[in-house]
Amino acid sequence: MSFRCGRCKEKNLRCFVDTVSSRCAGCIAAHAECSLFVPEEEWEKVEEEERATELALAQARAEAARLEVELLKGKSQKQEFARRDLALLRMQDQA
């Protein structure tokens, strides 16, 4: 698989990487910006977005768990009301 920087791709040139500078030889010779490697700022931006998304997901899961507990409490209370009403109806039937 061959990788080329934007300048070499645009000019349809072969792109030779200079391992010392992490730029291609063509961009070095032309004193041009080389986009062969993703800049560190871009990596940091993506990593920060990833951390923010993970945090948002964790918060959403926590909120979902809280809502599940509330739902279960409501169901339990409904069952308790139904048992109480049924017991009252049985007492009325016996009387």
Protein backbone atom coordinates (compact mmCIF):
# COMPACT_ATOMS: atom_id res chain seq x y z
CA MET A 1 0.00 0.00 0.00
CA SER A 2 1.46 3.35 -0.94
CA PHE A 3 0.90 6.56 0.96
CA ARG A 4 1.35 9.98 -0.52
CA CYS A 5 1.05 13.43 0.96
CA GLY A 6 -1.50 15.84 -0.46
CA ARG A 7 1.06 17.72 -2.56
CA CYS A 8 2.48 14.56 -4.15
CA LYS A 9 -0.99 13.16 -4.77
CA GLU A 10 -2.12 16.43 -6.37
CA LYS A 11 0.95 16.58 -8.63
CA ASN A 12 0.91 12.80 -9.21
CA LEU A 13 4.45 12.41 -7.82
CA ARG A 14 6.02 9.55 -5.92
CA CYS A 15 6.27 10.35 -2.25
CA PHE A 16 9.50 9.35 -0.47
CA VAL A 17 9.44 9.69 3.30
CA ASP A 18 12.38 11.25 5.11
CA THR A 19 12.30 9.35 8.42
CA VAL A 20 14.29 12.07 10.20
CA SER A 21 11.87 14.90 9.49
CA SER A 22 8.68 12.84 8.97
CA ARG A 23 8.13 14.75 5.74
CA CYS A 24 8.49 13.59 2.18
CA ALA A 25 11.58 14.45 0.18
CA GLY A 26 9.56 16.35 -2.46
CA CYS A 27 8.03 18.71 0.10
CA ILE A 28 11.41 19.24 1.75
CA ALA A 29 12.98 20.15 -1.59
CA ALA A 30 10.09 22.45 -2.50
CA HIS A 31 10.01 24.01 1.01
CA ALA A 32 6.31 23.08 1.15
CA GLU A 33 4.04 21.88 3.94
CA CYS A 34 3.82 18.09 4.00
CA SER A 35 0.59 16.36 4.95
CA LEU A 36 2.04 12.86 4.99
CA PHE A 37 1.53 12.48 8.74
CA VAL A 38 -1.47 13.72 10.65
CA PRO A 39 -0.44 16.71 12.80
CA GLU A 40 -0.31 16.17 16.56
CA GLU A 41 -3.02 18.81 17.07
CA GLU A 42 -5.42 16.74 14.96
CA TRP A 43 -4.65 13.61 16.98
CA GLU A 44 -5.26 15.55 20.21
CA LYS A 45 -8.55 16.93 18.85
CA VAL A 46 -9.81 13.46 17.93
CA GLU A 47 -8.70 12.04 21.28
CA GLU A 48 -10.47 14.86 23.17
CA GLU A 49 -13.66 14.28 21.17
CA GLU A 50 -13.40 10.57 21.94
CA ARG A 51 -13.00 11.25 25.68
CA ALA A 52 -15.98 13.63 25.62
CA THR A 53 -18.10 11.04 23.82
CA GLU A 54 -17.10 8.32 26.29
CA LEU A 55 -18.04 10.60 29.18
CA ALA A 56 -21.39 11.46 27.58
CA LEU A 57 -22.07 7.76 27.02
CA ALA A 58 -21.22 6.92 30.64
CA GLN A 59 -23.52 9.72 31.83
CA ALA A 60 -26.32 8.48 29.57
CA ARG A 61 -25.89 4.94 30.90
CA ALA A 62 -26.00 6.24 34.48
CA GLU A 63 -29.17 8.19 33.72
CA ALA A 64 -30.72 5.11 32.09
CA ALA A 65 -29.88 3.04 35.18
CA ARG A 66 -31.42 5.71 37.42
CA LEU A 67 -34.59 5.69 35.31
CA GLU A 68 -34.74 1.88 35.46
CA VAL A 69 -34.61 2.06 39.27
CA GLU A 70 -37.43 4.63 39.24
CA LEU A 71 -39.48 2.41 36.93
CA LEU A 72 -38.95 -0.63 39.16
CA LYS A 73 -39.95 1.38 42.23
CA GLY A 74 -43.14 2.44 40.45
CA LYS A 75 -43.96 -1.16 39.45
CA SER A 76 -43.33 -2.33 43.01
CA GLN A 77 -45.63 0.35 44.37
CA LYS A 78 -48.32 -0.64 41.84
CA GLN A 79 -48.07 -4.26 42.97
CA GLU A 80 -48.35 -3.20 46.62
CA PHE A 81 -51.46 -1.12 45.82
CA ALA A 82 -52.99 -4.05 43.92
CA ARG A 83 -52.32 -6.44 46.85
CA ARG A 84 -53.85 -4.00 49.31
CA ASP A 85 -56.94 -3.41 47.14
CA LEU A 86 -57.36 -7.15 46.61
CA ALA A 87 -57.13 -7.78 50.36
CA LEU A 88 -59.81 -5.11 50.98
CA LEU A 89 -62.07 -6.66 48.34
CA ARG A 90 -61.67 -10.09 49.95
CA MET A 91 -62.57 -8.66 53.35
CA GLN A 92 -65.68 -7.02 51.86
CA ASP A 93 -66.70 -10.29 50.20
CA GLN A 94 -66.37 -12.17 53.50
CA ALA A 95 -68.46 -9.64 55.38
